[in-house]
Amino acid sequence: MLIQDERFFEILDGGLETGLHSPGETPFFTSAYFHTSRAIKNELIFAGFSDIDLIAVEGFARAVNTAELLKNEEHTRLLLKYIKRTERAPELMGISDRFFAITRNDVLEN
């Protein structure tokens, strides 16, 4: 269990500080970099993009039993309604595994 292994806390602390998930010789996930929404926007700006609109793909739905909710039409409607209402909420971006970035590229457009 993760919370019983002291090595995991070191990995977690490092990841929260730097975004780099580096498990080394432990069995915990793979090496990865976890972006903040601010870091994603900064990288897009650096690449020449503007008018950046980040949209969380899963959003909070990642934390609920979507398989069960999708069995019921009314529950599906409510799930989709609240995903839509929260997909751009900056304070909820971190819960989503994936994002869409809708942008303009002024360099390519000129």
N, C-alpha and C. Protein backbone atom coordinates (compact mmCIF):
# COMPACT_ATOMS: atom_id res chain seq x y z
N MET A 1 0.84 -1.18 0.00
CA MET A 1 0.00 0.00 0.00
C MET A 1 0.90 1.25 0.00
N LEU A 2 0.55 2.21 -0.85
CA LEU A 2 1.39 3.39 -1.01
C LEU A 2 1.66 4.15 0.28
N ILE A 3 0.61 4.35 1.08
CA ILE A 3 0.80 5.17 2.27
C ILE A 3 1.57 4.46 3.38
N GLN A 4 1.92 3.20 3.14
CA GLN A 4 2.72 2.47 4.12
C GLN A 4 4.18 2.35 3.69
N ASP A 5 4.52 2.93 2.57
CA ASP A 5 5.89 2.82 2.08
C ASP A 5 6.54 4.21 2.09
N GLU A 6 7.53 4.37 2.93
CA GLU A 6 8.21 5.66 3.10
C GLU A 6 8.79 6.19 1.79
N ARG A 7 9.21 5.28 0.89
CA ARG A 7 9.77 5.70 -0.40
C ARG A 7 8.74 6.47 -1.22
N PHE A 8 7.49 6.09 -1.10
CA PHE A 8 6.45 6.75 -1.88
C PHE A 8 6.31 8.21 -1.47
N PHE A 9 6.42 8.51 -0.19
CA PHE A 9 6.30 9.89 0.27
C PHE A 9 7.41 10.77 -0.30
N GLU A 10 8.61 10.24 -0.41
CA GLU A 10 9.71 10.98 -1.01
C GLU A 10 9.41 11.29 -2.48
N ILE A 11 8.90 10.29 -3.20
CA ILE A 11 8.55 10.47 -4.61
C ILE A 11 7.42 11.49 -4.74
N LEU A 12 6.42 11.37 -3.89
CA LEU A 12 5.27 12.28 -3.91
C LEU A 12 5.69 13.71 -3.60
N ASP A 13 6.51 13.89 -2.57
CA ASP A 13 6.97 15.24 -2.22
C ASP A 13 7.75 15.86 -3.37
N GLY A 14 8.62 15.10 -3.98
CA GLY A 14 9.38 15.61 -5.12
C GLY A 14 8.47 15.96 -6.29
N GLY A 15 7.51 15.12 -6.57
CA GLY A 15 6.57 15.37 -7.66
C GLY A 15 5.72 16.61 -7.43
N LEU A 16 5.29 16.80 -6.20
CA LEU A 16 4.47 17.98 -5.90
C LEU A 16 5.28 19.26 -6.00
N GLU A 17 6.56 19.17 -5.70
CA GLU A 17 7.41 20.36 -5.76
C GLU A 17 7.87 20.68 -7.18
N THR A 18 8.20 19.66 -7.96
CA THR A 18 8.81 19.90 -9.27
C THR A 18 7.95 19.46 -10.45
N GLY A 19 6.95 18.62 -10.22
CA GLY A 19 6.16 18.05 -11.32
C GLY A 19 6.76 16.77 -11.85
N LEU A 20 7.99 16.45 -11.46
CA LEU A 20 8.67 15.26 -11.95
C LEU A 20 8.37 14.07 -11.05
N HIS A 21 7.77 13.06 -11.63
CA HIS A 21 7.52 11.81 -10.90
C HIS A 21 8.66 10.87 -11.25
N SER A 22 9.54 10.65 -10.31
CA SER A 22 10.75 9.87 -10.57
C SER A 22 10.84 8.74 -9.54
N PRO A 23 10.31 7.56 -9.87
CA PRO A 23 10.27 6.48 -8.90
C PRO A 23 11.58 5.74 -8.68
N GLY A 24 12.56 6.00 -9.55
CA GLY A 24 13.85 5.32 -9.37
C GLY A 24 13.69 3.81 -9.42
N GLU A 25 14.26 3.12 -8.46
CA GLU A 25 14.23 1.65 -8.42
C GLU A 25 13.06 1.11 -7.60
N THR A 26 11.98 1.88 -7.50
CA THR A 26 10.80 1.42 -6.75
C THR A 26 9.76 0.89 -7.74
N PRO A 27 8.73 0.22 -7.26
CA PRO A 27 7.68 -0.29 -8.15
C PRO A 27 6.57 0.73 -8.45
N PHE A 28 6.79 2.00 -8.12
CA PHE A 28 5.73 2.99 -8.21
C PHE A 28 5.69 3.69 -9.56
N PHE A 29 4.76 3.33 -10.39
CA PHE A 29 4.45 3.99 -11.65
C PHE A 29 5.72 4.20 -12.47
N THR A 30 5.65 4.91 -13.52
CA THR A 30 6.78 5.15 -14.40
C THR A 30 7.30 6.57 -14.21
N SER A 31 8.42 6.88 -14.80
CA SER A 31 8.90 8.26 -14.77
C SER A 31 7.95 9.11 -15.61
N ALA A 32 7.61 10.26 -15.13
CA ALA A 32 6.66 11.12 -15.83
C ALA A 32 6.82 12.55 -15.37
N TYR A 33 6.24 13.45 -16.13
CA TYR A 33 6.19 14.85 -15.72
C TYR A 33 4.73 15.26 -15.67
N PHE A 34 4.30 15.78 -14.55
CA PHE A 34 2.93 16.21 -14.37
C PHE A 34 2.87 17.73 -14.46
N HIS A 35 2.20 18.22 -15.47
CA HIS A 35 2.09 19.66 -15.69
C HIS A 35 0.99 20.26 -14.82
N THR A 36 1.21 21.48 -14.42
CA THR A 36 0.11 22.28 -13.88
C THR A 36 -0.54 22.97 -15.08
N SER A 37 -1.75 23.45 -14.90
CA SER A 37 -2.40 24.16 -16.00
C SER A 37 -1.59 25.42 -16.36
N ARG A 38 -0.98 26.05 -15.39
CA ARG A 38 -0.14 27.23 -15.66
C ARG A 38 1.07 26.84 -16.51
N ALA A 39 1.70 25.71 -16.21
CA ALA A 39 2.86 25.25 -16.98
C ALA A 39 2.46 24.93 -18.42
N ILE A 40 1.31 24.32 -18.61
CA ILE A 40 0.84 24.01 -19.96
C ILE A 40 0.65 25.30 -20.75
N LYS A 41 -0.01 26.27 -20.13
CA LYS A 41 -0.22 27.56 -20.81
C LYS A 41 1.11 28.23 -21.14
N ASN A 42 2.05 28.21 -20.20
CA ASN A 42 3.35 28.83 -20.45
C ASN A 42 4.09 28.17 -21.61
N GLU A 43 4.03 26.85 -21.70
CA GLU A 43 4.67 26.15 -22.81
C GLU A 43 4.01 26.51 -24.14
N LEU A 44 2.70 26.62 -24.15
CA LEU A 44 2.00 26.99 -25.38
C LEU A 44 2.33 28.42 -25.79
N ILE A 45 2.41 29.32 -24.83
CA ILE A 45 2.78 30.72 -25.13
C ILE A 45 4.19 30.74 -25.70
N PHE A 46 5.11 30.01 -25.08
CA PHE A 46 6.50 29.95 -25.56
C PHE A 46 6.57 29.42 -27.00
N ALA A 47 5.65 28.52 -27.36
CA ALA A 47 5.63 27.94 -28.70
C ALA A 47 4.92 28.84 -29.72
N GLY A 48 4.42 30.01 -29.28
CA GLY A 48 3.81 30.95 -30.20
C GLY A 48 2.30 30.92 -30.25
N PHE A 49 1.68 30.22 -29.31
CA PHE A 49 0.22 30.15 -29.29
C PHE A 49 -0.36 31.25 -28.41
N SER A 50 -1.58 31.66 -28.74
CA SER A 50 -2.28 32.68 -27.94
C SER A 50 -3.74 32.28 -27.81
N ASP A 51 -4.50 33.09 -27.10
CA ASP A 51 -5.92 32.80 -26.85
C ASP A 51 -6.11 31.35 -26.39
N ILE A 52 -5.41 30.98 -25.37
CA ILE A 52 -5.38 29.59 -24.90
C ILE A 52 -6.59 29.30 -24.02
N ASP A 53 -7.29 28.25 -24.38
CA ASP A 53 -8.45 27.79 -23.63
C ASP A 53 -8.21 26.33 -23.26
N LEU A 54 -7.94 26.07 -21.97
CA LEU A 54 -7.73 24.69 -21.51
C LEU A 54 -9.04 24.09 -21.04
N ILE A 55 -9.29 22.88 -21.47
CA ILE A 55 -10.51 22.18 -21.09
C ILE A 55 -10.12 20.80 -20.55
N ALA A 56 -10.56 20.50 -19.34
CA ALA A 56 -10.29 19.20 -18.75
C ALA A 56 -11.16 18.15 -19.44
N VAL A 57 -10.57 17.04 -19.82
CA VAL A 57 -11.33 16.00 -20.51
C VAL A 57 -12.19 15.21 -19.53
N GLU A 58 -11.58 14.62 -18.50
CA GLU A 58 -12.35 13.84 -17.54
C GLU A 58 -12.90 14.72 -16.42
N GLY A 59 -12.08 15.66 -15.99
CA GLY A 59 -12.49 16.51 -14.88
C GLY A 59 -12.81 15.68 -13.64
N PHE A 60 -13.77 16.14 -12.88
CA PHE A 60 -14.11 15.46 -11.63
C PHE A 60 -14.68 14.07 -11.87
N ALA A 61 -15.16 13.79 -13.09
CA ALA A 61 -15.76 12.49 -13.38
C ALA A 61 -14.77 11.35 -13.18
N ARG A 62 -13.51 11.68 -13.21
CA ARG A 62 -12.47 10.68 -12.96
C ARG A 62 -12.57 10.12 -11.54
N ALA A 63 -13.17 10.87 -10.64
CA ALA A 63 -13.23 10.47 -9.24
C ALA A 63 -14.55 9.80 -8.85
N VAL A 64 -15.44 9.61 -9.81
CA VAL A 64 -16.72 8.97 -9.52
C VAL A 64 -16.86 7.70 -10.36
N ASN A 65 -17.82 6.88 -10.04
CA ASN A 65 -18.04 5.63 -10.76
C ASN A 65 -18.86 5.92 -12.03
N THR A 66 -18.17 6.35 -13.08
CA THR A 66 -18.87 6.71 -14.32
C THR A 66 -19.55 5.51 -14.96
N ALA A 67 -18.95 4.33 -14.86
CA ALA A 67 -19.57 3.13 -15.45
C ALA A 67 -20.97 2.92 -14.89
N GLU A 68 -21.10 3.12 -13.60
CA GLU A 68 -22.42 2.94 -12.97
C GLU A 68 -23.37 4.07 -13.38
N LEU A 69 -22.88 5.29 -13.40
CA LEU A 69 -23.73 6.43 -13.77
C LEU A 69 -24.23 6.34 -15.21
N LEU A 70 -23.39 5.80 -16.09
CA LEU A 70 -23.76 5.72 -17.51
C LEU A 70 -24.82 4.66 -17.80
N LYS A 71 -25.16 3.85 -16.83
CA LYS A 71 -26.20 2.84 -16.99
C LYS A 71 -27.60 3.45 -16.94
N ASN A 72 -27.68 4.65 -16.42
CA ASN A 72 -28.96 5.32 -16.23
C ASN A 72 -28.98 6.62 -17.03
N GLU A 73 -29.99 6.80 -17.86
CA GLU A 73 -30.03 7.97 -18.75
C GLU A 73 -30.04 9.29 -17.99
N GLU A 74 -30.80 9.38 -16.92
CA GLU A 74 -30.86 10.61 -16.14
C GLU A 74 -29.52 10.89 -15.47
N HIS A 75 -28.89 9.85 -14.93
CA HIS A 75 -27.58 10.04 -14.30
C HIS A 75 -26.53 10.46 -15.33
N THR A 76 -26.61 9.88 -16.52
CA THR A 76 -25.69 10.26 -17.60
C THR A 76 -25.87 11.73 -17.95
N ARG A 77 -27.11 12.17 -18.06
CA ARG A 77 -27.40 13.57 -18.38
C ARG A 77 -26.82 14.49 -17.32
N LEU A 78 -27.00 14.14 -16.06
CA LEU A 78 -26.47 14.97 -14.97
C LEU A 78 -24.95 14.96 -14.95
N LEU A 79 -24.36 13.80 -15.17
CA LEU A 79 -22.90 13.70 -15.22
C LEU A 79 -22.34 14.61 -16.29
N LEU A 80 -22.88 14.53 -17.50
CA LEU A 80 -22.39 15.36 -18.60
C LEU A 80 -22.64 16.85 -18.34
N LYS A 81 -23.77 17.16 -17.73
CA LYS A 81 -24.08 18.55 -17.39
C LYS A 81 -23.00 19.14 -16.48
N TYR A 82 -22.63 18.38 -15.44
CA TYR A 82 -21.67 18.92 -14.48
C TYR A 82 -20.22 18.83 -14.96
N ILE A 83 -19.93 17.88 -15.84
CA ILE A 83 -18.62 17.90 -16.48
C ILE A 83 -18.49 19.18 -17.29
N LYS A 84 -19.51 19.50 -18.06
CA LYS A 84 -19.50 20.71 -18.90
C LYS A 84 -19.36 21.97 -18.03
N ARG A 85 -20.07 22.01 -16.92
CA ARG A 85 -20.05 23.20 -16.05
C ARG A 85 -18.71 23.39 -15.35
N THR A 86 -17.92 22.32 -15.21
CA THR A 86 -16.68 22.42 -14.44
C THR A 86 -15.42 22.21 -15.28
N GLU A 87 -15.56 21.97 -16.57
CA GLU A 87 -14.39 21.60 -17.40
C GLU A 87 -13.34 22.69 -17.53
N ARG A 88 -13.71 23.92 -17.27
CA ARG A 88 -12.74 25.03 -17.37
C ARG A 88 -12.37 25.62 -16.00
N ALA A 89 -12.83 25.02 -14.94
CA ALA A 89 -12.57 25.54 -13.59
C ALA A 89 -11.10 25.31 -13.23
N PRO A 90 -10.30 26.39 -13.10
CA PRO A 90 -8.87 26.22 -12.81
C PRO A 90 -8.60 25.41 -11.55
N GLU A 91 -9.44 25.56 -10.54
CA GLU A 91 -9.21 24.84 -9.29
C GLU A 91 -9.48 23.35 -9.40
N LEU A 92 -10.10 22.90 -10.50
CA LEU A 92 -10.38 21.48 -10.69
C LEU A 92 -9.53 20.84 -11.78
N MET A 93 -8.69 21.61 -12.45
CA MET A 93 -7.89 21.09 -13.56
C MET A 93 -7.01 19.92 -13.14
N GLY A 94 -6.45 19.98 -11.96
CA GLY A 94 -5.50 18.96 -11.52
C GLY A 94 -6.08 17.58 -11.35
N ILE A 95 -7.39 17.46 -11.27
CA ILE A 95 -7.99 16.14 -11.10
C ILE A 95 -8.10 15.38 -12.42
N SER A 96 -8.01 16.09 -13.52
CA SER A 96 -8.17 15.47 -14.84
C SER A 96 -6.85 14.90 -15.34
N ASP A 97 -6.92 13.75 -16.01
CA ASP A 97 -5.71 13.16 -16.59
C ASP A 97 -5.30 13.83 -17.89
N ARG A 98 -6.26 14.37 -18.61
CA ARG A 98 -5.99 14.92 -19.94
C ARG A 98 -6.68 16.26 -20.12
N PHE A 99 -6.12 17.03 -21.06
CA PHE A 99 -6.67 18.35 -21.40
C PHE A 99 -6.78 18.48 -22.91
N PHE A 100 -7.68 19.32 -23.32
CA PHE A 100 -7.67 19.85 -24.67
C PHE A 100 -7.17 21.27 -24.54
N ALA A 101 -6.36 21.69 -25.46
CA ALA A 101 -5.93 23.09 -25.50
C ALA A 101 -6.41 23.65 -26.83
N ILE A 102 -7.29 24.61 -26.77
CA ILE A 102 -7.78 25.29 -27.97
C ILE A 102 -7.06 26.62 -28.02
N THR A 103 -6.34 26.85 -29.13
CA THR A 103 -5.47 28.03 -29.21
C THR A 103 -5.46 28.61 -30.61
N ARG A 104 -4.77 29.71 -30.74
CA ARG A 104 -4.40 30.27 -32.04
C ARG A 104 -2.89 30.28 -32.10
N ASN A 105 -2.36 30.13 -33.30
CA ASN A 105 -0.92 30.26 -33.47
C ASN A 105 -0.68 31.42 -34.40
N ASP A 106 -0.31 32.57 -33.83
CA ASP A 106 -0.12 33.79 -34.61
C ASP A 106 1.00 33.64 -35.64
N VAL A 107 2.01 32.85 -35.34
CA VAL A 107 3.12 32.67 -36.26
C VAL A 107 2.65 31.94 -37.53
N LEU A 108 1.85 30.89 -37.36
CA LEU A 108 1.37 30.12 -38.50
C LEU A 108 0.28 30.85 -39.28
N GLU A 109 -0.48 31.70 -38.59
CA GLU A 109 -1.58 32.40 -39.24
C GLU A 109 -1.09 33.55 -40.12
N ASN A 110 0.10 34.06 -39.88
CA ASN A 110 0.63 35.20 -40.67
C ASN A 110 1.45 34.73 -41.83
